[in-house]
Amino acid sequence: MDPFKFFLNDGSILNYKVYGKRLAALKILLDCPSDKKLLKNHIKVFQIDKVYESFKEEVEELIWLSDAQTDGNKKNIIASFKSLFTNEKIFRMMFGFYEDGNVHKRPLSKMKMDIAEQLGLF
């Protein structure tokens, strides 16, 4: 189990949607509920907060997906591509990361997986 968790605070999502979908409104945060000292160390040593702030467009795409997707849309996409791809590949194509949580296989997977879960995408 990974001790770290990426998230957008609720105010960040609201500000993004209300004030013209400006990337500056999005605030990507990192938390480590089990070890605040570890979190503070990672932020200080690796400047994680600054690094991930540069990937707001990735998060914006997840917000677009959350606004556009309903259960019916997901089912239609899966049905449309089922003859071409496995469910795992369809999931990866839709969200940009592996369904089984293999965060090491694609860049930004951990961040995208955490925020997609927060947005209710899966």
PDB file of N, CA and C in Angstrom:
ATOM      1  N   MET A   1       0.846  -1.185   0.000  1.00  0.00           N
ATOM      2  CA  MET A   1       0.000   0.000   0.000  1.00  0.00           C
ATOM      3  C   MET A   1       0.888   1.244   0.000  1.00  0.00           C
ATOM      4  N   ASP A   2       0.620   2.131  -0.897  1.00  0.00           N
ATOM      5  CA  ASP A   2       1.383   3.362  -1.011  1.00  0.00           C
ATOM      6  C   ASP A   2       0.928   4.350   0.062  1.00  0.00           C
ATOM      7  N   PRO A   3       1.864   4.893   0.828  1.00  0.00           N
ATOM      8  CA  PRO A   3       1.453   5.832   1.890  1.00  0.00           C
ATOM      9  C   PRO A   3       1.024   7.199   1.355  1.00  0.00           C
ATOM     10  N   PHE A   4       1.365   7.502   0.112  1.00  0.00           N
ATOM     11  CA  PHE A   4       1.071   8.814  -0.457  1.00  0.00           C
ATOM     12  C   PHE A   4      -0.230   8.803  -1.241  1.00  0.00           C
ATOM     13  N   LYS A   5      -0.891   9.943  -1.253  1.00  0.00           N
ATOM     14  CA  LYS A   5      -2.150  10.088  -1.983  1.00  0.00           C
ATOM     15  C   LYS A   5      -2.210  11.489  -2.583  1.00  0.00           C
ATOM     16  N   PHE A   6      -2.396  11.567  -3.901  1.00  0.00           N
ATOM     17  CA  PHE A   6      -2.599  12.843  -4.585  1.00  0.00           C
ATOM     18  C   PHE A   6      -4.084  13.170  -4.560  1.00  0.00           C
ATOM     19  N   PHE A   7      -4.397  14.463  -4.521  1.00  0.00           N
ATOM     20  CA  PHE A   7      -5.796  14.873  -4.565  1.00  0.00           C
ATOM     21  C   PHE A   7      -5.893  16.338  -4.958  1.00  0.00           C
ATOM     22  N   LEU A   8      -7.086  16.710  -5.366  1.00  0.00           N
ATOM     23  CA  LEU A   8      -7.437  18.116  -5.596  1.00  0.00           C
ATOM     24  C   LEU A   8      -8.386  18.495  -4.468  1.00  0.00           C
ATOM     25  N   ASN A   9      -8.135  19.645  -3.843  1.00  0.00           N
ATOM     26  CA  ASN A   9      -9.113  20.025  -2.820  1.00  0.00           C
ATOM     27  C   ASN A   9     -10.399  20.449  -3.520  1.00  0.00           C
ATOM     28  N   ASP A  10     -11.518  20.318  -2.822  1.00  0.00           N
ATOM     29  CA  ASP A  10     -12.817  20.599  -3.432  1.00  0.00           C
ATOM     30  C   ASP A  10     -12.911  22.025  -3.952  1.00  0.00           C
ATOM     31  N   GLY A  11     -12.306  22.961  -3.251  1.00  0.00           N
ATOM     32  CA  GLY A  11     -12.317  24.348  -3.702  1.00  0.00           C
ATOM     33  C   GLY A  11     -11.596  24.526  -5.018  1.00  0.00           C
ATOM     34  N   SER A  12     -10.568  23.753  -5.231  1.00  0.00           N
ATOM     35  CA  SER A  12      -9.802  23.813  -6.467  1.00  0.00           C
ATOM     36  C   SER A  12     -10.661  23.390  -7.658  1.00  0.00           C
ATOM     37  N   ILE A  13     -11.388  22.307  -7.506  1.00  0.00           N
ATOM     38  CA  ILE A  13     -12.260  21.820  -8.582  1.00  0.00           C
ATOM     39  C   ILE A  13     -13.369  22.831  -8.851  1.00  0.00           C
ATOM     40  N   LEU A  14     -13.966  23.342  -7.802  1.00  0.00           N
ATOM     41  CA  LEU A  14     -15.039  24.333  -7.937  1.00  0.00           C
ATOM     42  C   LEU A  14     -14.535  25.599  -8.621  1.00  0.00           C
ATOM     43  N   ASN A  15     -13.391  26.117  -8.176  1.00  0.00           N
ATOM     44  CA  ASN A  15     -12.823  27.316  -8.801  1.00  0.00           C
ATOM     45  C   ASN A  15     -12.525  27.086 -10.278  1.00  0.00           C
ATOM     46  N   TYR A  16     -12.020  25.922 -10.604  1.00  0.00           N
ATOM     47  CA  TYR A  16     -11.726  25.600 -12.004  1.00  0.00           C
ATOM     48  C   TYR A  16     -13.004  25.666 -12.840  1.00  0.00           C
ATOM     49  N   LYS A  17     -14.063  25.069 -12.342  1.00  0.00           N
ATOM     50  CA  LYS A  17     -15.310  25.005 -13.112  1.00  0.00           C
ATOM     51  C   LYS A  17     -16.036  26.347 -13.156  1.00  0.00           C
ATOM     52  N   VAL A  18     -16.004  27.088 -12.076  1.00  0.00           N
ATOM     53  CA  VAL A  18     -16.747  28.346 -11.999  1.00  0.00           C
ATOM     54  C   VAL A  18     -16.042  29.483 -12.734  1.00  0.00           C
ATOM     55  N   TYR A  19     -14.739  29.540 -12.636  1.00  0.00           N
ATOM     56  CA  TYR A  19     -13.995  30.682 -13.177  1.00  0.00           C
ATOM     57  C   TYR A  19     -13.332  30.386 -14.518  1.00  0.00           C
ATOM     58  N   GLY A  20     -14.088  29.834 -15.424  1.00  0.00           N
ATOM     59  CA  GLY A  20     -13.636  29.719 -16.797  1.00  0.00           C
ATOM     60  C   GLY A  20     -12.618  28.639 -17.079  1.00  0.00           C
ATOM     61  N   LYS A  21     -12.616  27.584 -16.287  1.00  0.00           N
ATOM     62  CA  LYS A  21     -11.741  26.439 -16.534  1.00  0.00           C
ATOM     63  C   LYS A  21     -10.284  26.856 -16.734  1.00  0.00           C
ATOM     64  N   ARG A  22      -9.803  27.691 -15.823  1.00  0.00           N
ATOM     65  CA  ARG A  22      -8.407  28.139 -15.864  1.00  0.00           C
ATOM     66  C   ARG A  22      -7.536  27.149 -15.100  1.00  0.00           C
ATOM     67  N   LEU A  23      -6.450  26.723 -15.734  1.00  0.00           N
ATOM     68  CA  LEU A  23      -5.542  25.763 -15.108  1.00  0.00           C
ATOM     69  C   LEU A  23      -4.982  26.275 -13.789  1.00  0.00           C
ATOM     70  N   ALA A  24      -4.803  27.575 -13.673  1.00  0.00           N
ATOM     71  CA  ALA A  24      -4.232  28.142 -12.450  1.00  0.00           C
ATOM     72  C   ALA A  24      -5.096  27.832 -11.228  1.00  0.00           C
ATOM     73  N   ALA A  25      -6.375  27.569 -11.445  1.00  0.00           N
ATOM     74  CA  ALA A  25      -7.278  27.281 -10.330  1.00  0.00           C
ATOM     75  C   ALA A  25      -7.032  25.903  -9.722  1.00  0.00           C
ATOM     76  N   LEU A  26      -6.448  25.000 -10.492  1.00  0.00           N
ATOM     77  CA  LEU A  26      -6.235  23.641 -10.009  1.00  0.00           C
ATOM     78  C   LEU A  26      -5.023  23.572  -9.087  1.00  0.00           C
ATOM     79  N   LYS A  27      -5.217  22.975  -7.947  1.00  0.00           N
ATOM     80  CA  LYS A  27      -4.132  22.800  -6.972  1.00  0.00           C
ATOM     81  C   LYS A  27      -3.981  21.303  -6.684  1.00  0.00           C
ATOM     82  N   ILE A  28      -2.916  20.736  -7.212  1.00  0.00           N
ATOM     83  CA  ILE A  28      -2.622  19.322  -6.992  1.00  0.00           C
ATOM     84  C   ILE A  28      -1.883  19.201  -5.668  1.00  0.00           C
ATOM     85  N   LEU A  29      -2.449  18.425  -4.771  1.00  0.00           N
ATOM     86  CA  LEU A  29      -1.883  18.277  -3.438  1.00  0.00           C
ATOM     87  C   LEU A  29      -1.451  16.841  -3.201  1.00  0.00           C
ATOM     88  N   LEU A  30      -0.525  16.666  -2.295  1.00  0.00           N
ATOM     89  CA  LEU A  30      -0.039  15.348  -1.905  1.00  0.00           C
ATOM     90  C   LEU A  30      -0.216  15.213  -0.406  1.00  0.00           C
ATOM     91  N   ASP A  31      -0.664  14.039   0.016  1.00  0.00           N
ATOM     92  CA  ASP A  31      -0.827  13.792   1.442  1.00  0.00           C
ATOM     93  C   ASP A  31      -0.228  12.432   1.783  1.00  0.00           C
ATOM     94  N   CYS A  32       0.153  12.296   3.017  1.00  0.00           N
ATOM     95  CA  CYS A  32       0.637  11.034   3.568  1.00  0.00           C
ATOM     96  C   CYS A  32       0.043  10.923   4.968  1.00  0.00           C
ATOM     97  N   PRO A  33      -1.213  10.484   5.051  1.00  0.00           N
ATOM     98  CA  PRO A  33      -1.912  10.491   6.337  1.00  0.00           C
ATOM     99  C   PRO A  33      -1.200   9.721   7.444  1.00  0.00           C
ATOM    100  N   SER A  34      -0.483   8.681   7.078  1.00  0.00           N
ATOM    101  CA  SER A  34       0.145   7.842   8.091  1.00  0.00           C
ATOM    102  C   SER A  34       1.475   8.382   8.608  1.00  0.00           C
ATOM    103  N   ASP A  35       2.074   9.344   7.880  1.00  0.00           N
ATOM    104  CA  ASP A  35       3.407   9.812   8.285  1.00  0.00           C
ATOM    105  C   ASP A  35       3.643  11.232   7.772  1.00  0.00           C
ATOM    106  N   LYS A  36       3.232  12.211   8.540  1.00  0.00           N
ATOM    107  CA  LYS A  36       3.378  13.616   8.132  1.00  0.00           C
ATOM    108  C   LYS A  36       4.845  14.026   8.013  1.00  0.00           C
ATOM    109  N   LYS A  37       5.720  13.408   8.785  1.00  0.00           N
ATOM    110  CA  LYS A  37       7.145  13.711   8.702  1.00  0.00           C
ATOM    111  C   LYS A  37       7.704  13.251   7.345  1.00  0.00           C
ATOM    112  N   LEU A  38       7.281  12.080   6.890  1.00  0.00           N
ATOM    113  CA  LEU A  38       7.696  11.574   5.580  1.00  0.00           C
ATOM    114  C   LEU A  38       7.201  12.504   4.471  1.00  0.00           C
ATOM    115  N   LEU A  39       5.964  12.953   4.578  1.00  0.00           N
ATOM    116  CA  LEU A  39       5.403  13.886   3.600  1.00  0.00           C
ATOM    117  C   LEU A  39       6.222  15.168   3.552  1.00  0.00           C
ATOM    118  N   LYS A  40       6.484  15.750   4.706  1.00  0.00           N
ATOM    119  CA  LYS A  40       7.254  16.996   4.767  1.00  0.00           C
ATOM    120  C   LYS A  40       8.638  16.806   4.157  1.00  0.00           C
ATOM    121  N   ASN A  41       9.269  15.676   4.433  1.00  0.00           N
ATOM    122  CA  ASN A  41      10.587  15.384   3.887  1.00  0.00           C
ATOM    123  C   ASN A  41      10.547  15.266   2.359  1.00  0.00           C
ATOM    124  N   HIS A  42       9.561  14.551   1.824  1.00  0.00           N
ATOM    125  CA  HIS A  42       9.451  14.384   0.369  1.00  0.00           C
ATOM    126  C   HIS A  42       9.201  15.722  -0.331  1.00  0.00           C
ATOM    127  N   ILE A  43       8.365  16.535   0.264  1.00  0.00           N
ATOM    128  CA  ILE A  43       8.091  17.841  -0.342  1.00  0.00           C
ATOM    129  C   ILE A  43       9.352  18.699  -0.326  1.00  0.00           C
ATOM    130  N   LYS A  44      10.075  18.654   0.765  1.00  0.00           N
ATOM    131  CA  LYS A  44      11.296  19.460   0.878  1.00  0.00           C
ATOM    132  C   LYS A  44      12.408  18.943  -0.046  1.00  0.00           C
ATOM    133  N   VAL A  45      12.678  17.661  -0.008  1.00  0.00           N
ATOM    134  CA  VAL A  45      13.799  17.085  -0.754  1.00  0.00           C
ATOM    135  C   VAL A  45      13.515  17.014  -2.254  1.00  0.00           C
ATOM    136  N   PHE A  46      12.329  16.523  -2.618  1.00  0.00           N
ATOM    137  CA  PHE A  46      12.025  16.287  -4.028  1.00  0.00           C
ATOM    138  C   PHE A  46      11.218  17.403  -4.686  1.00  0.00           C
ATOM    139  N   GLN A  47      10.783  18.384  -3.899  1.00  0.00           N
ATOM    140  CA  GLN A  47       9.974  19.487  -4.426  1.00  0.00           C
ATOM    141  C   GLN A  47       8.763  18.954  -5.205  1.00  0.00           C
ATOM    142  N   ILE A  48       8.157  17.912  -4.673  1.00  0.00           N
ATOM    143  CA  ILE A  48       7.061  17.217  -5.340  1.00  0.00           C
ATOM    144  C   ILE A  48       5.900  18.151  -5.655  1.00  0.00           C
ATOM    145  N   ASP A  49       5.579  19.027  -4.737  1.00  0.00           N
ATOM    146  CA  ASP A  49       4.461  19.935  -4.979  1.00  0.00           C
ATOM    147  C   ASP A  49       4.701  20.798  -6.211  1.00  0.00           C
ATOM    148  N   LYS A  50       5.914  21.254  -6.392  1.00  0.00           N
ATOM    149  CA  LYS A  50       6.235  22.097  -7.563  1.00  0.00           C
ATOM    150  C   LYS A  50       6.285  21.278  -8.842  1.00  0.00           C
ATOM    151  N   VAL A  51       6.818  20.079  -8.754  1.00  0.00           N
ATOM    152  CA  VAL A  51       6.921  19.213  -9.941  1.00  0.00           C
ATOM    153  C   VAL A  51       5.528  18.886 -10.470  1.00  0.00           C
ATOM    154  N   TYR A  52       4.651  18.447  -9.599  1.00  0.00           N
ATOM    155  CA  TYR A  52       3.326  18.025 -10.052  1.00  0.00           C
ATOM    156  C   TYR A  52       2.438  19.191 -10.447  1.00  0.00           C
ATOM    157  N   GLU A  53       2.721  20.372  -9.981  1.00  0.00           N
ATOM    158  CA  GLU A  53       1.973  21.555 -10.428  1.00  0.00           C
ATOM    159  C   GLU A  53       2.131  21.770 -11.934  1.00  0.00           C
ATOM    160  N   SER A  54       3.216  21.278 -12.505  1.00  0.00           N
ATOM    161  CA  SER A  54       3.441  21.464 -13.942  1.00  0.00           C
ATOM    162  C   SER A  54       2.640  20.485 -14.794  1.00  0.00           C
ATOM    163  N   PHE A  55       1.901  19.583 -14.159  1.00  0.00           N
ATOM    164  CA  PHE A  55       1.125  18.597 -14.894  1.00  0.00           C
ATOM    165  C   PHE A  55      -0.388  18.819 -14.755  1.00  0.00           C
ATOM    166  N   LYS A  56      -0.784  20.050 -14.627  1.00  0.00           N
ATOM    167  CA  LYS A  56      -2.192  20.379 -14.448  1.00  0.00           C
ATOM    168  C   LYS A  56      -3.042  19.970 -15.648  1.00  0.00           C
ATOM    169  N   GLU A  57      -2.467  19.983 -16.840  1.00  0.00           N
ATOM    170  CA  GLU A  57      -3.235  19.605 -18.028  1.00  0.00           C
ATOM    171  C   GLU A  57      -3.677  18.146 -17.959  1.00  0.00           C
ATOM    172  N   GLU A  58      -2.853  17.291 -17.375  1.00  0.00           N
ATOM    173  CA  GLU A  58      -3.229  15.882 -17.196  1.00  0.00           C
ATOM    174  C   GLU A  58      -4.456  15.778 -16.292  1.00  0.00           C
ATOM    175  N   VAL A  59      -4.469  16.559 -15.242  1.00  0.00           N
ATOM    176  CA  VAL A  59      -5.590  16.563 -14.305  1.00  0.00           C
ATOM    177  C   VAL A  59      -6.818  17.183 -14.970  1.00  0.00           C
ATOM    178  N   GLU A  60      -6.609  18.227 -15.746  1.00  0.00           N
ATOM    179  CA  GLU A  60      -7.723  18.861 -16.445  1.00  0.00           C
ATOM    180  C   GLU A  60      -8.448  17.850 -17.336  1.00  0.00           C
ATOM    181  N   GLU A  61      -7.706  16.996 -18.014  1.00  0.00           N
ATOM    182  CA  GLU A  61      -8.325  15.982 -18.873  1.00  0.00           C
ATOM    183  C   GLU A  61      -9.171  15.005 -18.061  1.00  0.00           C
ATOM    184  N   LEU A  62      -8.729  14.698 -16.849  1.00  0.00           N
ATOM    185  CA  LEU A  62      -9.531  13.837 -15.980  1.00  0.00           C
ATOM    186  C   LEU A  62     -10.830  14.525 -15.571  1.00  0.00           C
ATOM    187  N   ILE A  63     -10.765  15.826 -15.343  1.00  0.00           N
ATOM    188  CA  ILE A  63     -11.986  16.583 -15.014  1.00  0.00           C
ATOM    189  C   ILE A  63     -12.927  16.576 -16.206  1.00  0.00           C
ATOM    190  N   TRP A  64     -12.391  16.752 -17.407  1.00  0.00           N
ATOM    191  CA  TRP A  64     -13.227  16.681 -18.605  1.00  0.00           C
ATOM    192  C   TRP A  64     -13.929  15.324 -18.676  1.00  0.00           C
ATOM    193  N   LEU A  65     -13.165  14.263 -18.427  1.00  0.00           N
ATOM    194  CA  LEU A  65     -13.754  12.924 -18.451  1.00  0.00           C
ATOM    195  C   LEU A  65     -14.858  12.785 -17.403  1.00  0.00           C
ATOM    196  N   SER A  66     -14.618  13.314 -16.219  1.00  0.00           N
ATOM    197  CA  SER A  66     -15.624  13.189 -15.161  1.00  0.00           C
ATOM    198  C   SER A  66     -16.894  13.960 -15.514  1.00  0.00           C
ATOM    199  N   ASP A  67     -16.759  15.063 -16.221  1.00  0.00           N
ATOM    200  CA  ASP A  67     -17.930  15.838 -16.641  1.00  0.00           C
ATOM    201  C   ASP A  67     -18.686  15.145 -17.773  1.00  0.00           C
ATOM    202  N   ALA A  68     -17.944  14.433 -18.637  1.00  0.00           N
ATOM    203  CA  ALA A  68     -18.535  13.846 -19.834  1.00  0.00           C
ATOM    204  C   ALA A  68     -19.039  12.419 -19.624  1.00  0.00           C
ATOM    205  N   GLN A  69     -18.484  11.717 -18.680  1.00  0.00           N
ATOM    206  CA  GLN A  69     -18.805  10.298 -18.569  1.00  0.00           C
ATOM    207  C   GLN A  69     -19.954  10.010 -17.630  1.00  0.00           C
ATOM    208  N   THR A  70     -20.824   9.188 -18.124  1.00  0.00           N
ATOM    209  CA  THR A  70     -21.884   8.602 -17.313  1.00  0.00           C
ATOM    210  C   THR A  70     -21.686   7.094 -17.409  1.00  0.00           C
ATOM    211  N   ASP A  71     -22.404   6.347 -16.613  1.00  0.00           N
ATOM    212  CA  ASP A  71     -22.300   4.891 -16.709  1.00  0.00           C
ATOM    213  C   ASP A  71     -22.684   4.414 -18.104  1.00  0.00           C
ATOM    214  N   GLY A  72     -23.675   5.058 -18.704  1.00  0.00           N
ATOM    215  CA  GLY A  72     -24.084   4.695 -20.065  1.00  0.00           C
ATOM    216  C   GLY A  72     -22.982   4.938 -21.076  1.00  0.00           C
ATOM    217  N   ASN A  73     -22.287   6.078 -20.939  1.00  0.00           N
ATOM    218  CA  ASN A  73     -21.175   6.364 -21.850  1.00  0.00           C
ATOM    219  C   ASN A  73     -20.077   5.330 -21.719  1.00  0.00           C
ATOM    220  N   LYS A  74     -19.725   4.970 -20.483  1.00  0.00           N
ATOM    221  CA  LYS A  74     -18.689   3.969 -20.265  1.00  0.00           C
ATOM    222  C   LYS A  74     -19.077   2.644 -20.905  1.00  0.00           C
ATOM    223  N   LYS A  75     -20.323   2.238 -20.695  1.00  0.00           N
ATOM    224  CA  LYS A  75     -20.784   0.968 -21.273  1.00  0.00           C
ATOM    225  C   LYS A  75     -20.741   1.010 -22.794  1.00  0.00           C
ATOM    226  N   ASN A  76     -21.110   2.143 -23.390  1.00  0.00           N
ATOM    227  CA  ASN A  76     -21.066   2.278 -24.848  1.00  0.00           C
ATOM    228  C   ASN A  76     -19.639   2.198 -25.376  1.00  0.00           C
ATOM    229  N   ILE A  77     -18.717   2.842 -24.689  1.00  0.00           N
ATOM    230  CA  ILE A  77     -17.314   2.799 -25.109  1.00  0.00           C
ATOM    231  C   ILE A  77     -16.792   1.374 -25.031  1.00  0.00           C
ATOM    232  N   ILE A  78     -17.064   0.702 -23.927  1.00  0.00           N
ATOM    233  CA  ILE A  78     -16.603  -0.682 -23.765  1.00  0.00           C
ATOM    234  C   ILE A  78     -17.212  -1.572 -24.844  1.00  0.00           C
ATOM    235  N   ALA A  79     -18.510  -1.421 -25.092  1.00  0.00           N
ATOM    236  CA  ALA A  79     -19.179  -2.229 -26.113  1.00  0.00           C
ATOM    237  C   ALA A  79     -18.610  -1.944 -27.506  1.00  0.00           C
ATOM    238  N   SER A  80     -18.309  -0.686 -27.789  1.00  0.00           N
ATOM    239  CA  SER A  80     -17.796  -0.313 -29.107  1.00  0.00           C
ATOM    240  C   SER A  80     -16.416  -0.883 -29.383  1.00  0.00           C
ATOM    241  N   PHE A  81     -15.579  -0.971 -28.360  1.00  0.00           N
ATOM    242  CA  PHE A  81     -14.198  -1.386 -28.557  1.00  0.00           C
ATOM    243  C   PHE A  81     -13.922  -2.828 -28.120  1.00  0.00           C
ATOM    244  N   LYS A  82     -14.937  -3.504 -27.580  1.00  0.00           N
ATOM    245  CA  LYS A  82     -14.736  -4.838 -27.022  1.00  0.00           C
ATOM    246  C   LYS A  82     -14.166  -5.825 -28.047  1.00  0.00           C
ATOM    247  N   SER A  83     -14.550  -5.709 -29.297  1.00  0.00           N
ATOM    248  CA  SER A  83     -14.041  -6.635 -30.317  1.00  0.00           C
ATOM    249  C   SER A  83     -12.587  -6.323 -30.702  1.00  0.00           C
ATOM    250  N   LEU A  84     -12.125  -5.122 -30.386  1.00  0.00           N
ATOM    251  CA  LEU A  84     -10.762  -4.728 -30.739  1.00  0.00           C
ATOM    252  C   LEU A  84      -9.775  -4.841 -29.582  1.00  0.00           C
ATOM    253  N   PHE A  85     -10.238  -4.570 -28.376  1.00  0.00           N
ATOM    254  CA  PHE A  85      -9.343  -4.482 -27.226  1.00  0.00           C
ATOM    255  C   PHE A  85      -9.909  -5.232 -26.022  1.00  0.00           C
ATOM    256  N   THR A  86      -9.028  -5.613 -25.128  1.00  0.00           N
ATOM    257  CA  THR A  86      -9.452  -6.187 -23.857  1.00  0.00           C
ATOM    258  C   THR A  86      -9.984  -5.064 -22.971  1.00  0.00           C
ATOM    259  N   ASN A  87     -10.718  -5.416 -21.931  1.00  0.00           N
ATOM    260  CA  ASN A  87     -11.217  -4.400 -20.997  1.00  0.00           C
ATOM    261  C   ASN A  87     -10.068  -3.607 -20.387  1.00  0.00           C
ATOM    262  N   GLU A  88      -8.953  -4.279 -20.105  1.00  0.00           N
ATOM    263  CA  GLU A  88      -7.781  -3.604 -19.533  1.00  0.00           C
ATOM    264  C   GLU A  88      -7.255  -2.522 -20.477  1.00  0.00           C
ATOM    265  N   LYS A  89      -7.195  -2.824 -21.760  1.00  0.00           N
ATOM    266  CA  LYS A  89      -6.697  -1.845 -22.730  1.00  0.00           C
ATOM    267  C   LYS A  89      -7.685  -0.696 -22.916  1.00  0.00           C
ATOM    268  N   ILE A  90      -8.968  -1.005 -22.867  1.00  0.00           N
ATOM    269  CA  ILE A  90      -9.976   0.056 -22.977  1.00  0.00           C
ATOM    270  C   ILE A  90      -9.852   1.003 -21.792  1.00  0.00           C
ATOM    271  N   PHE A  91      -9.710   0.457 -20.597  1.00  0.00           N
ATOM    272  CA  PHE A  91      -9.536   1.273 -19.392  1.00  0.00           C
ATOM    273  C   PHE A  91      -8.302   2.153 -19.536  1.00  0.00           C
ATOM    274  N   ARG A  92      -7.200   1.577 -19.971  1.00  0.00           N
ATOM    275  CA  ARG A  92      -5.955   2.336 -20.139  1.00  0.00           C
ATOM    276  C   ARG A  92      -6.122   3.449 -21.168  1.00  0.00           C
ATOM    277  N   MET A  93      -6.839   3.158 -22.247  1.00  0.00           N
ATOM    278  CA  MET A  93      -7.068   4.156 -23.294  1.00  0.00           C
ATOM    279  C   MET A  93      -7.932   5.305 -22.760  1.00  0.00           C
ATOM    280  N   MET A  94      -8.936   4.985 -21.955  1.00  0.00           N
ATOM    281  CA  MET A  94      -9.848   6.003 -21.439  1.00  0.00           C
ATOM    282  C   MET A  94      -9.190   6.903 -20.396  1.00  0.00           C
ATOM    283  N   PHE A  95      -8.384   6.307 -19.504  1.00  0.00           N
ATOM    284  CA  PHE A  95      -7.883   7.051 -18.359  1.00  0.00           C
ATOM    285  C   PHE A  95      -6.392   7.351 -18.389  1.00  0.00           C
ATOM    286  N   GLY A  96      -5.630   6.635 -19.194  1.00  0.00           N
ATOM    287  CA  GLY A  96      -4.202   6.921 -19.295  1.00  0.00           C
ATOM    288  C   GLY A  96      -3.340   6.216 -18.261  1.00  0.00           C
ATOM    289  N   PHE A  97      -3.898   5.228 -17.574  1.00  0.00           N
ATOM    290  CA  PHE A  97      -3.107   4.426 -16.641  1.00  0.00           C
ATOM    291  C   PHE A  97      -3.715   3.032 -16.562  1.00  0.00           C
ATOM    292  N   TYR A  98      -2.980   2.119 -15.956  1.00  0.00           N
ATOM    293  CA  TYR A  98      -3.431   0.738 -15.859  1.00  0.00           C
ATOM    294  C   TYR A  98      -4.458   0.571 -14.751  1.00  0.00           C
ATOM    295  N   GLU A  99      -5.465  -0.236 -15.034  1.00  0.00           N
ATOM    296  CA  GLU A  99      -6.550  -0.482 -14.079  1.00  0.00           C
ATOM    297  C   GLU A  99      -6.061  -1.156 -12.808  1.00  0.00           C
ATOM    298  N   ASP A 100      -5.087  -2.023 -12.939  1.00  0.00           N
ATOM    299  CA  ASP A 100      -4.630  -2.786 -11.778  1.00  0.00           C
ATOM    300  C   ASP A 100      -3.654  -2.016 -10.901  1.00  0.00           C
ATOM    301  N   GLY A 101      -3.411  -0.766 -11.221  1.00  0.00           N
ATOM    302  CA  GLY A 101      -2.589   0.071 -10.356  1.00  0.00           C
ATOM    303  C   GLY A 101      -1.091  -0.101 -10.535  1.00  0.00           C
ATOM    304  N   ASN A 102      -0.646  -0.602 -11.658  1.00  0.00           N
ATOM    305  CA  ASN A 102       0.788  -0.708 -11.922  1.00  0.00           C
ATOM    306  C   ASN A 102       1.355   0.672 -12.223  1.00  0.00           C
ATOM    307  N   VAL A 103       1.535   1.442 -11.177  1.00  0.00           N
ATOM    308  CA  VAL A 103       1.926   2.842 -11.337  1.00  0.00           C
ATOM    309  C   VAL A 103       3.312   3.001 -11.939  1.00  0.00           C
ATOM    310  N   HIS A 104       4.101   1.981 -11.870  1.00  0.00           N
ATOM    311  CA  HIS A 104       5.465   2.071 -12.410  1.00  0.00           C
ATOM    312  C   HIS A 104       5.510   1.953 -13.931  1.00  0.00           C
ATOM    313  N   LYS A 105       4.418   1.564 -14.574  1.00  0.00           N
ATOM    314  CA  LYS A 105       4.420   1.316 -16.011  1.00  0.00           C
ATOM    315  C   LYS A 105       4.218   2.560 -16.864  1.00  0.00           C
ATOM    316  N   ARG A 106       3.647   3.610 -16.308  1.00  0.00           N
ATOM    317  CA  ARG A 106       3.374   4.821 -17.085  1.00  0.00           C
ATOM    318  C   ARG A 106       3.646   6.048 -16.231  1.00  0.00           C
ATOM    319  N   PRO A 107       4.184   7.094 -16.841  1.00  0.00           N
ATOM    320  CA  PRO A 107       4.436   8.325 -16.082  1.00  0.00           C
ATOM    321  C   PRO A 107       3.129   8.918 -15.551  1.00  0.00           C
ATOM    322  N   LEU A 108       3.197   9.473 -14.383  1.00  0.00           N
ATOM    323  CA  LEU A 108       2.088  10.182 -13.731  1.00  0.00           C
ATOM    324  C   LEU A 108       0.926   9.278 -13.328  1.00  0.00           C
ATOM    325  N   SER A 109       1.113   7.972 -13.417  1.00  0.00           N
ATOM    326  CA  SER A 109       0.015   7.051 -13.124  1.00  0.00           C
ATOM    327  C   SER A 109      -0.525   7.194 -11.719  1.00  0.00           C
ATOM    328  N   LYS A 110       0.326   7.323 -10.739  1.00  0.00           N
ATOM    329  CA  LYS A 110      -0.133   7.426  -9.354  1.00  0.00           C
ATOM    330  C   LYS A 110      -0.999   8.674  -9.169  1.00  0.00           C
ATOM    331  N   MET A 111      -0.530   9.799  -9.672  1.00  0.00           N
ATOM    332  CA  MET A 111      -1.296  11.033  -9.556  1.00  0.00           C
ATOM    333  C   MET A 111      -2.640  10.898 -10.270  1.00  0.00           C
ATOM    334  N   LYS A 112      -2.616  10.418 -11.506  1.00  0.00           N
ATOM    335  CA  LYS A 112      -3.834  10.307 -12.289  1.00  0.00           C
ATOM    336  C   LYS A 112      -4.808   9.303 -11.678  1.00  0.00           C
ATOM    337  N   MET A 113      -4.298   8.187 -11.172  1.00  0.00           N
ATOM    338  CA  MET A 113      -5.142   7.173 -10.566  1.00  0.00           C
ATOM    339  C   MET A 113      -5.836   7.722  -9.318  1.00  0.00           C
ATOM    340  N   ASP A 114      -5.086   8.399  -8.456  1.00  0.00           N
ATOM    341  CA  ASP A 114      -5.668   8.957  -7.236  1.00  0.00           C
ATOM    342  C   ASP A 114      -6.743   9.994  -7.542  1.00  0.00           C
ATOM    343  N   ILE A 115      -6.447  10.890  -8.479  1.00  0.00           N
ATOM    344  CA  ILE A 115      -7.395  11.969  -8.784  1.00  0.00           C
ATOM    345  C   ILE A 115      -8.603  11.428  -9.558  1.00  0.00           C
ATOM    346  N   ALA A 116      -8.396  10.463 -10.445  1.00  0.00           N
ATOM    347  CA  ALA A 116      -9.526   9.848 -11.156  1.00  0.00           C
ATOM    348  C   ALA A 116     -10.464   9.168 -10.161  1.00  0.00           C
ATOM    349  N   GLU A 117      -9.896   8.522  -9.171  1.00  0.00           N
ATOM    350  CA  GLU A 117     -10.720   7.889  -8.134  1.00  0.00           C
ATOM    351  C   GLU A 117     -11.490   8.953  -7.344  1.00  0.00           C
ATOM    352  N   GLN A 118     -10.823  10.051  -7.019  1.00  0.00           N
ATOM    353  CA  GLN A 118     -11.469  11.150  -6.299  1.00  0.00           C
ATOM    354  C   GLN A 118     -12.644  11.705  -7.113  1.00  0.00           C
ATOM    355  N   LEU A 119     -12.475  11.786  -8.433  1.00  0.00           N
ATOM    356  CA  LEU A 119     -13.504  12.333  -9.306  1.00  0.00           C
ATOM    357  C   LEU A 119     -14.607  11.328  -9.619  1.00  0.00           C
ATOM    358  N   GLY A 120     -14.470  10.091  -9.133  1.00  0.00           N
ATOM    359  CA  GLY A 120     -15.494   9.086  -9.338  1.00  0.00           C
ATOM    360  C   GLY A 120     -15.489   8.451 -10.715  1.00  0.00           C
ATOM    361  N   LEU A 121     -14.336   8.476 -11.376  1.00  0.00           N
ATOM    362  CA  LEU A 121     -14.265   7.897 -12.720  1.00  0.00           C
ATOM    363  C   LEU A 121     -14.292   6.370 -12.729  1.00  0.00           C
ATOM    364  N   PHE A 122     -13.903   5.769 -11.633  1.00  0.00           N
ATOM    365  CA  PHE A 122     -13.973   4.297 -11.526  1.00  0.00           C
ATOM    366  C   PHE A 122     -14.194   3.899 -10.093  1.00  0.00           C
TER     367      PHE A 122
END
